[in-house]
């Protein structure tokens, strides 16, 4: 039984490998903005850093919405494959500039321009990955994809916590580059595949789930905002690492919940197979006894 579970886990991991390639890009966001050692010259909890982060987020949202409006449902980004590597490398270079330059967040121009560039480039990387993932014939479950991404994110952030400052900055800048290499590999493996628009029922169900998750996130963010108006950021338990500890705890909770769901699903499958086996044995026994009576 243990070998069967291990083989099944390996098969599910292999099926979710594209999401493992996407995960370092996702992990970069959390490591860069919430690991103090990733930007040793910046005060993570300062008002200037918060303004830079908001400018970055606003640019990311505007870039994604603009791309969705321009491309629509049927058009896609025109890329000859070189941008699969160049865009993540550009994101890594900007990350290094922000990490090692003490002047980036000092003036109002630098405080907004560089984060806005980060947001625009990262949005482009997300779009490239989105087009690639939408063209896959993914046969796994959403739980497998979530586990793959969450595991990489928590591993990357824990590494950022334990590595020394200068090494952490280089490690964080390397994350989007690794994701870009995975994107190049995925792009070469699926050159002939094109993004396929999902059926309307599937899209409506996905939109509904996105709306629910977005609503919960908005309410949670509002609650956290009012909490921070009462408790200053610098007084939080953990200091500069408070948000990082929360990130690790939340990700571990996601992994634990996914593990529980996976175990329950496996137990249900085993139970169903056992019941089917019992029914087959019972039917065979009844048929055998019936044949005896007929004879």
Protein backbone atom coordinates (compact mmCIF):
# COMPACT_ATOMS: atom_id res chain seq x y z
CA UNK A 1 0.00 0.00 0.00
CA UNK A 2 2.84 2.40 0.84
CA UNK A 3 4.41 1.82 -2.58
CA UNK A 4 1.09 2.50 -4.26
CA UNK A 5 0.67 5.76 -2.37
CA UNK A 6 4.24 6.77 -3.26
CA UNK A 7 3.73 5.96 -6.93
CA UNK A 8 0.47 7.90 -6.98
CA UNK A 9 2.14 10.91 -5.33
CA UNK A 10 5.00 10.79 -7.85
CA UNK A 11 2.52 10.66 -10.73
CA UNK A 12 0.59 13.64 -9.37
CA UNK A 13 3.84 15.57 -8.86
CA UNK A 14 4.88 14.86 -12.44
CA UNK A 15 1.50 16.05 -13.69
CA UNK A 16 1.81 19.32 -11.72
CA UNK A 17 5.37 20.11 -12.88
CA UNK A 18 4.32 23.18 -14.97
CA UNK A 19 2.99 24.80 -11.80
CA UNK A 20 6.30 24.05 -10.07
CA UNK A 21 7.98 26.05 -12.84
CA UNK A 22 5.55 28.94 -12.35
CA UNK A 23 5.90 28.92 -8.55
CA UNK A 24 9.34 30.68 -8.31
CA UNK A 25 7.85 33.72 -10.05
CA UNK A 26 5.03 33.73 -7.51
CA UNK A 27 7.51 33.21 -4.66
CA UNK A 28 9.60 36.18 -5.84
CA UNK A 29 6.80 38.59 -4.96
CA UNK A 30 6.61 37.44 -1.34
CA UNK A 31 10.36 37.08 -0.84
CA UNK A 32 11.17 40.48 -2.33
CA UNK A 33 8.50 42.48 -0.51
CA UNK A 34 8.23 40.62 2.81
CA UNK A 35 11.76 39.35 3.55
CA UNK A 36 13.73 42.24 5.10
CA UNK A 37 17.08 40.72 4.09
CA UNK A 38 16.07 40.82 0.41
CA UNK A 39 16.43 44.62 0.44
CA UNK A 40 18.91 45.39 3.26
CA UNK A 41 19.01 49.13 2.50
CA UNK A 42 15.24 49.63 2.81
CA UNK A 43 12.99 49.73 5.87
CA UNK A 44 10.31 47.17 5.14
CA UNK A 45 7.74 48.75 7.47
CA UNK A 46 8.39 52.38 6.51
CA UNK A 47 5.80 54.61 4.84
CA UNK A 48 8.06 55.04 1.79
CA UNK A 49 8.32 51.28 1.29
CA UNK A 50 4.55 50.96 1.64
CA UNK A 51 4.06 53.65 -1.01
CA UNK A 52 6.48 51.83 -3.33
CA UNK A 53 4.61 48.57 -2.81
CA UNK A 54 1.25 50.21 -3.55
CA UNK A 55 2.67 51.75 -6.74
CA UNK A 56 3.94 48.33 -7.75
CA UNK A 57 0.56 46.68 -7.07
CA UNK A 58 -1.38 49.39 -8.90
CA UNK A 59 0.86 49.07 -11.97
CA UNK A 60 0.49 45.29 -11.94
CA UNK A 61 -3.31 45.51 -11.85
CA UNK A 62 -3.49 48.18 -14.55
CA UNK A 63 -1.11 46.23 -16.80
CA UNK A 64 -3.08 42.99 -16.42
CA UNK A 65 -6.44 44.70 -17.02
CA UNK A 66 -5.07 46.56 -20.05
CA UNK A 67 -3.70 43.34 -21.51
CA UNK A 68 -7.02 41.57 -20.94
CA UNK A 69 -8.88 44.43 -22.63
CA UNK A 70 -6.52 44.59 -25.63
CA UNK A 71 -6.10 40.85 -26.18
CA UNK A 72 -9.67 39.77 -25.48
CA UNK A 73 -10.63 36.10 -25.43
CA UNK A 74 -9.10 34.93 -28.70
CA UNK A 75 -5.89 36.92 -29.20
CA UNK A 76 -2.68 36.10 -27.41
CA UNK A 77 0.70 37.70 -26.78
CA UNK A 78 3.02 37.59 -29.77
CA UNK A 79 6.30 36.18 -28.56
CA UNK A 80 9.09 34.51 -30.51
CA UNK A 81 10.25 32.69 -27.39
CA UNK A 82 13.07 35.06 -26.49
CA UNK A 83 10.79 37.04 -24.18
CA UNK A 84 10.24 33.85 -22.18
CA UNK A 85 13.79 34.32 -20.92
CA UNK A 86 14.32 38.09 -21.30
CA UNK A 87 11.31 39.22 -19.23
CA UNK A 88 12.19 37.12 -16.14
CA UNK A 89 15.85 38.15 -16.48
CA UNK A 90 14.78 41.80 -16.56
CA UNK A 91 12.70 41.23 -13.43
CA UNK A 92 15.69 39.64 -11.70
CA UNK A 93 17.94 42.55 -12.71
CA UNK A 94 15.46 45.12 -11.36
CA UNK A 95 15.24 43.08 -8.17
CA UNK A 96 19.02 43.26 -7.75
CA UNK A 97 19.01 47.00 -8.37
CA UNK A 98 16.41 47.51 -5.66
CA UNK A 99 18.21 45.20 -3.24
CA UNK A 100 21.74 46.57 -3.54
CA UNK A 101 21.18 50.25 -4.27
CA UNK A 102 20.48 52.37 -1.16
CA UNK A 103 19.29 55.22 -3.39
CA UNK A 104 16.38 53.48 -5.07
CA UNK A 105 13.77 54.22 -2.43
CA UNK A 106 15.15 57.61 -1.32
CA UNK A 107 13.70 60.09 -3.82
CA UNK A 108 10.08 60.31 -4.98
CA UNK A 109 11.06 59.54 -8.57
CA UNK A 110 13.00 56.39 -7.70
CA UNK A 111 10.46 55.41 -5.08
CA UNK A 112 7.72 55.06 -7.69
CA UNK A 113 9.43 54.51 -11.06
CA UNK A 114 11.39 51.34 -10.24
CA UNK A 115 8.49 49.62 -8.41
CA UNK A 116 6.18 50.47 -11.31
CA UNK A 117 8.68 48.90 -13.70
CA UNK A 118 8.74 45.83 -11.47
CA UNK A 119 4.95 45.62 -11.59
CA UNK A 120 4.79 45.95 -15.37
CA UNK A 121 7.48 43.34 -16.05
CA UNK A 122 6.06 40.89 -13.53
CA UNK A 123 2.59 41.26 -15.08
CA UNK A 124 4.06 40.40 -18.47
CA UNK A 125 5.68 37.30 -16.96
CA UNK A 126 2.34 36.31 -15.43
CA UNK A 127 0.66 36.69 -18.82
CA UNK A 128 3.28 34.51 -20.51
CA UNK A 129 2.82 31.83 -17.88
CA UNK A 130 -0.96 32.18 -18.04
CA UNK A 131 -0.98 31.54 -21.78
CA UNK A 132 1.26 28.52 -21.37
CA UNK A 133 -0.74 27.00 -18.53
CA UNK A 134 -4.05 27.58 -20.31
CA UNK A 135 -2.81 25.53 -23.28
CA UNK A 136 -1.98 22.49 -21.16
CA UNK A 137 -4.10 19.37 -21.08
CA UNK A 138 -3.87 19.26 -17.30
CA UNK A 139 -5.31 16.06 -15.87
CA UNK A 140 -4.48 16.71 -12.23
CA UNK A 141 -6.59 18.34 -9.56
CA UNK A 142 -6.57 21.94 -8.38
CA UNK A 143 -5.31 20.65 -5.03
CA UNK A 144 -2.19 19.25 -6.70
CA UNK A 145 -1.49 22.62 -8.35
CA UNK A 146 -2.00 24.51 -5.08
CA UNK A 147 0.29 22.13 -3.19
CA UNK A 148 3.00 22.47 -5.84
CA UNK A 149 2.94 26.28 -5.74
CA UNK A 150 2.59 26.54 -1.95
CA UNK A 151 5.47 24.13 -1.32
CA UNK A 152 7.83 26.13 -3.55
CA UNK A 153 6.73 29.45 -2.01
CA UNK A 154 7.26 28.34 1.58
CA UNK A 155 10.59 26.67 0.72
CA UNK A 156 11.83 29.83 -1.02
CA UNK A 157 10.75 32.08 1.84
CA UNK A 158 12.32 29.85 4.49
CA UNK A 159 15.54 29.93 2.45
CA UNK A 160 15.32 33.74 2.37
CA UNK A 161 14.94 33.73 6.15
CA UNK A 162 18.02 31.61 6.87
CA UNK A 163 20.43 32.89 4.21
CA UNK A 164 22.70 35.88 5.00
CA UNK A 165 21.61 39.28 3.70
CA UNK A 166 23.72 39.69 0.52
CA UNK A 167 23.12 36.06 -0.46
CA UNK A 168 19.38 36.46 0.13
CA UNK A 169 19.18 39.36 -2.31
CA UNK A 170 20.91 37.32 -5.02
CA UNK A 171 18.75 34.28 -4.26
CA UNK A 172 15.53 36.31 -4.54
CA UNK A 173 16.67 37.84 -7.84
CA UNK A 174 17.38 34.33 -9.12
CA UNK A 175 13.80 33.14 -8.54
CA UNK A 176 12.21 34.80 -11.62
CA UNK A 177 15.18 33.64 -13.72
CA UNK A 178 14.53 30.04 -12.68
CA UNK A 179 10.88 30.49 -13.54
CA UNK A 180 11.90 31.90 -16.92
CA UNK A 181 14.05 28.86 -17.66
CA UNK A 182 11.09 26.63 -16.83
CA UNK A 183 8.90 28.76 -19.10
CA UNK A 184 11.37 28.38 -21.97
CA UNK A 185 11.33 24.62 -21.48
CA UNK A 186 7.54 24.51 -21.34
CA UNK A 187 7.31 26.71 -24.42
CA UNK A 188 9.62 24.44 -26.41
CA UNK A 189 7.63 21.39 -25.32
CA UNK A 190 4.34 22.88 -26.48
CA UNK A 191 5.14 24.94 -29.58
CA UNK A 192 2.21 23.53 -31.50
CA UNK A 193 -0.27 23.93 -28.67
CA UNK A 194 -2.47 26.99 -28.49
CA UNK A 195 -4.56 28.39 -25.68
CA UNK A 196 -8.07 26.98 -25.78
CA UNK A 197 -11.05 28.93 -24.49
CA UNK A 198 -12.81 26.86 -21.86
CA UNK A 199 -16.55 26.11 -22.11
CA UNK A 200 -18.87 28.82 -20.84
CA UNK A 201 -20.01 26.72 -17.86
CA UNK A 202 -16.42 26.14 -16.76
CA UNK A 203 -15.59 29.83 -17.12
CA UNK A 204 -18.67 30.89 -15.15
CA UNK A 205 -17.78 28.50 -12.34
CA UNK A 206 -14.18 29.76 -12.32
CA UNK A 207 -15.33 33.40 -12.33
CA UNK A 208 -17.63 32.68 -9.40
CA UNK A 209 -14.79 31.10 -7.42
CA UNK A 210 -12.49 34.01 -8.25
CA UNK A 211 -15.14 36.49 -7.10
CA UNK A 212 -15.61 34.64 -3.79
CA UNK A 213 -11.87 34.44 -3.10
CA UNK A 214 -11.39 38.09 -4.07
CA UNK A 215 -14.22 39.14 -1.75
CA UNK A 216 -12.76 37.19 1.17
CA UNK A 217 -9.32 38.68 0.47
CA UNK A 218 -10.76 42.21 0.35
CA UNK A 219 -12.55 41.79 3.68
CA UNK A 220 -9.44 40.28 5.28
CA UNK A 221 -7.27 43.12 3.94
CA UNK A 222 -9.69 45.71 5.31
CA UNK A 223 -9.64 44.02 8.72
CA UNK A 224 -5.83 43.95 8.71
CA UNK A 225 -5.72 47.62 7.70
CA UNK A 226 -7.88 48.71 10.62
CA UNK A 227 -5.84 46.47 12.92
CA UNK A 228 -2.65 48.23 11.82
CA UNK A 229 -4.23 51.62 12.52
CA UNK A 230 -4.53 50.47 16.13
CA UNK A 231 -1.26 48.53 16.44
CA UNK A 232 1.75 50.19 14.71
CA UNK A 233 3.68 47.91 12.36
CA UNK A 234 6.90 48.19 14.34
CA UNK A 235 5.11 46.93 17.48
CA UNK A 236 3.99 43.68 15.84
CA UNK A 237 5.40 40.42 17.19
CA UNK A 238 8.36 39.51 15.04
CA UNK A 239 9.15 43.07 13.96
CA UNK A 240 10.18 43.26 10.31
CA UNK A 241 9.56 39.54 9.93
CA UNK A 242 5.93 39.70 11.16
CA UNK A 243 4.47 39.51 7.65
CA UNK A 244 6.92 36.77 6.73
CA UNK A 245 5.91 34.65 9.70
CA UNK A 246 2.28 35.12 8.73
CA UNK A 247 3.07 34.08 5.17
CA UNK A 248 4.83 30.90 6.28
CA UNK A 249 2.05 30.03 8.74
CA UNK A 250 -0.66 30.59 6.13
CA UNK A 251 1.16 28.55 3.49
CA UNK A 252 1.74 25.69 5.91
CA UNK A 253 -1.97 25.79 6.76
CA UNK A 254 -2.78 25.49 3.04
CA UNK A 255 -0.42 22.52 2.72
CA UNK A 256 -1.93 20.86 5.80
CA UNK A 257 -5.47 21.34 4.49
CA UNK A 258 -4.43 19.97 1.10
CA UNK A 259 -2.85 16.95 2.78
CA UNK A 260 -6.06 16.26 4.71
CA UNK A 261 -8.10 16.54 1.51
CA UNK A 262 -5.68 14.22 -0.29
CA UNK A 263 -5.77 11.59 2.47
CA UNK A 264 -9.56 11.72 2.64
CA UNK A 265 -9.80 11.36 -1.14
CA UNK A 266 -7.42 8.39 -1.10
CA UNK A 267 -9.35 6.73 1.73
CA UNK A 268 -12.62 7.26 -0.14
CA UNK A 269 -11.17 5.71 -3.30
CA UNK A 270 -9.88 2.71 -1.33
CA UNK A 271 -13.26 2.34 0.36
CA UNK A 272 -15.12 2.51 -2.96
CA UNK A 273 -12.82 -0.10 -4.50
CA UNK A 274 -13.30 -2.32 -1.45
CA UNK A 275 -17.07 -2.02 -1.70
CA UNK A 276 -16.95 -2.83 -5.41
CA UNK A 277 -14.80 -5.87 -4.66
CA UNK A 278 -17.27 -7.02 -2.00
CA UNK A 279 -20.17 -6.60 -4.41
CA UNK A 280 -18.33 -8.55 -7.09
CA UNK A 281 -17.61 -11.40 -4.67
CA UNK A 282 -21.22 -11.40 -3.47
CA UNK A 283 -22.59 -11.45 -7.02
CA UNK A 284 -20.24 -14.29 -7.93
CA UNK A 285 -21.29 -16.25 -4.85
CA UNK A 286 -25.00 -15.75 -5.60
CA UNK A 287 -24.54 -16.80 -9.22
CA UNK A 288 -22.63 -19.91 -8.13
CA UNK A 289 -25.34 -20.90 -5.64
CA UNK A 290 -28.03 -20.27 -8.24
CA UNK A 291 -26.28 -22.55 -10.72
CA UNK A 292 -26.17 -25.28 -8.06
CA UNK A 293 -29.91 -25.01 -7.48
CA UNK A 294 -30.59 -25.14 -11.22
CA UNK A 295 -28.52 -28.29 -11.55
